[in-house]
Amino acid sequence: MRARIVLFDGFDPLDVIARYEVLVAGGQISGGALPAAASAEGSREATPVGPGPALCATAPLRPGRADPAPGSGAAPRPAPAEVLAA
């Protein structure tokens, strides 16, 4: 099985890390492959919505080739101060 965890700017780090841990554990039990982080743009760094580490997508999304592609949750970015002041 090929699994891709979808990364995008504004992702929630806990959602990505939790999905990765579950998929790795399942792969170890079943002898399956490890999941990879992917983005629509291919290999790149994605920044989280709040404090936390940026993560690197190492694979492009390939909907026809990967089995599941669980997306991560996201929270809206706070509006810049100049937008709030207008």
C-alpha atoms as a PDB file:
ATOM      1  CA  MET A   1       0.000   0.000   0.000  1.00  0.00           C
ATOM      2  CA  ARG A   2       1.189   3.521  -0.791  1.00  0.00           C
ATOM      3  CA  ALA A   3      -0.007   6.231   1.565  1.00  0.00           C
ATOM      4  CA  ARG A   4       0.510   9.963   1.191  1.00  0.00           C
ATOM      5  CA  ILE A   5      -0.191  12.479   3.944  1.00  0.00           C
ATOM      6  CA  VAL A   6      -1.219  15.757   2.370  1.00  0.00           C
ATOM      7  CA  LEU A   7       0.743  18.846   3.442  1.00  0.00           C
ATOM      8  CA  PHE A   8      -0.201  22.435   2.676  1.00  0.00           C
ATOM      9  CA  ASP A   9       0.587  25.840   4.168  1.00  0.00           C
ATOM     10  CA  GLY A  10      -1.539  26.268   7.283  1.00  0.00           C
ATOM     11  CA  PHE A  11      -1.605  22.563   8.249  1.00  0.00           C
ATOM     12  CA  ASP A  12      -2.112  21.481  11.855  1.00  0.00           C
ATOM     13  CA  PRO A  13       1.114  19.717  12.974  1.00  0.00           C
ATOM     14  CA  LEU A  14      -0.685  17.361  15.348  1.00  0.00           C
ATOM     15  CA  ASP A  15      -2.947  16.089  12.576  1.00  0.00           C
ATOM     16  CA  VAL A  16       0.011  15.268  10.341  1.00  0.00           C
ATOM     17  CA  ILE A  17       2.138  13.641  13.040  1.00  0.00           C
ATOM     18  CA  ALA A  18      -0.760  11.580  14.430  1.00  0.00           C
ATOM     19  CA  ARG A  19      -1.678  10.236  10.981  1.00  0.00           C
ATOM     20  CA  TYR A  20       1.962   9.424  10.266  1.00  0.00           C
ATOM     21  CA  GLU A  21       2.291   7.469  13.534  1.00  0.00           C
ATOM     22  CA  VAL A  22      -0.881   5.468  12.854  1.00  0.00           C
ATOM     23  CA  LEU A  23       0.157   4.628   9.287  1.00  0.00           C
ATOM     24  CA  VAL A  24       3.693   3.646  10.377  1.00  0.00           C
ATOM     25  CA  ALA A  25       2.314   1.360  13.104  1.00  0.00           C
ATOM     26  CA  GLY A  26      -0.085  -0.239  10.630  1.00  0.00           C
ATOM     27  CA  GLY A  27       2.736  -0.728   8.146  1.00  0.00           C
ATOM     28  CA  GLN A  28       4.933  -2.392  10.772  1.00  0.00           C
ATOM     29  CA  ILE A  29       2.169  -4.817  11.729  1.00  0.00           C
ATOM     30  CA  SER A  30       1.175  -5.662   8.159  1.00  0.00           C
ATOM     31  CA  GLY A  31       4.595  -5.424   6.520  1.00  0.00           C
ATOM     32  CA  GLY A  32       3.380  -2.508   4.399  1.00  0.00           C
ATOM     33  CA  ALA A  33       5.243   0.531   3.151  1.00  0.00           C
ATOM     34  CA  LEU A  34       5.917   3.700   5.090  1.00  0.00           C
ATOM     35  CA  PRO A  35       3.774   6.762   4.387  1.00  0.00           C
ATOM     36  CA  ALA A  36       5.207   9.840   2.705  1.00  0.00           C
ATOM     37  CA  ALA A  37       4.305  13.498   3.068  1.00  0.00           C
ATOM     38  CA  ALA A  38       3.073  14.956  -0.224  1.00  0.00           C
ATOM     39  CA  SER A  39       1.852  18.246  -1.618  1.00  0.00           C
ATOM     40  CA  ALA A  40       0.210  19.296  -4.845  1.00  0.00           C
ATOM     41  CA  GLU A  41       3.365  21.267  -5.709  1.00  0.00           C
ATOM     42  CA  GLY A  42       5.715  18.310  -5.141  1.00  0.00           C
ATOM     43  CA  SER A  43       8.729  18.446  -2.843  1.00  0.00           C
ATOM     44  CA  ARG A  44       8.600  21.603  -0.731  1.00  0.00           C
ATOM     45  CA  GLU A  45       8.438  22.926   2.814  1.00  0.00           C
ATOM     46  CA  ALA A  46       4.979  23.559   4.277  1.00  0.00           C
ATOM     47  CA  THR A  47       4.492  25.963   7.191  1.00  0.00           C
ATOM     48  CA  PRO A  48       2.043  25.208  10.011  1.00  0.00           C
ATOM     49  CA  VAL A  49      -0.828  27.461  11.035  1.00  0.00           C
ATOM     50  CA  GLY A  50       0.706  28.326  14.403  1.00  0.00           C
ATOM     51  CA  PRO A  51       3.879  27.643  16.309  1.00  0.00           C
ATOM     52  CA  GLY A  52       5.456  24.381  15.357  1.00  0.00           C
ATOM     53  CA  PRO A  53       7.901  22.908  12.905  1.00  0.00           C
ATOM     54  CA  ALA A  54       7.661  23.350   9.166  1.00  0.00           C
ATOM     55  CA  LEU A  55       7.528  19.942   7.493  1.00  0.00           C
ATOM     56  CA  CYS A  56       8.890  18.908   4.136  1.00  0.00           C
ATOM     57  CA  ALA A  57       6.738  17.198   1.569  1.00  0.00           C
ATOM     58  CA  THR A  58       8.930  14.631  -0.153  1.00  0.00           C
ATOM     59  CA  ALA A  59       6.515  13.467  -2.832  1.00  0.00           C
ATOM     60  CA  PRO A  60       3.974  14.936  -5.235  1.00  0.00           C
ATOM     61  CA  LEU A  61       0.324  14.007  -4.911  1.00  0.00           C
ATOM     62  CA  ARG A  62      -0.451  11.258  -7.390  1.00  0.00           C
ATOM     63  CA  PRO A  63      -4.129  10.398  -6.892  1.00  0.00           C
ATOM     64  CA  GLY A  64      -3.986   7.515  -9.359  1.00  0.00           C
ATOM     65  CA  ARG A  65      -0.987   5.862  -7.695  1.00  0.00           C
ATOM     66  CA  ALA A  66      -1.475   6.257  -3.927  1.00  0.00           C
ATOM     67  CA  ASP A  67      -4.121   4.452  -1.938  1.00  0.00           C
ATOM     68  CA  PRO A  68      -5.277   6.753   0.881  1.00  0.00           C
ATOM     69  CA  ALA A  69      -4.322  10.406   1.007  1.00  0.00           C
ATOM     70  CA  PRO A  70      -5.537  11.560   4.431  1.00  0.00           C
ATOM     71  CA  GLY A  71      -5.622  15.327   4.634  1.00  0.00           C
ATOM     72  CA  SER A  72      -4.585  17.228   7.695  1.00  0.00           C
ATOM     73  CA  GLY A  73      -6.817  19.649   9.525  1.00  0.00           C
ATOM     74  CA  ALA A  74      -6.226  23.358   9.373  1.00  0.00           C
ATOM     75  CA  ALA A  75      -7.196  26.444  11.255  1.00  0.00           C
ATOM     76  CA  PRO A  76      -7.639  29.837   9.611  1.00  0.00           C
ATOM     77  CA  ARG A  77      -4.656  32.136   9.776  1.00  0.00           C
ATOM     78  CA  PRO A  78      -5.251  35.260  11.870  1.00  0.00           C
ATOM     79  CA  ALA A  79      -5.882  38.342   9.762  1.00  0.00           C
ATOM     80  CA  PRO A  80      -2.964  40.806   9.560  1.00  0.00           C
ATOM     81  CA  ALA A  81      -3.259  43.834  11.850  1.00  0.00           C
ATOM     82  CA  GLU A  82      -3.624  46.225   8.871  1.00  0.00           C
ATOM     83  CA  VAL A  83      -6.685  44.292   7.670  1.00  0.00           C
ATOM     84  CA  LEU A  84      -8.280  44.365  11.121  1.00  0.00           C
ATOM     85  CA  ALA A  85      -7.643  48.108  11.439  1.00  0.00           C
ATOM     86  CA  ALA A  86      -9.361  48.949   8.120  1.00  0.00           C
END
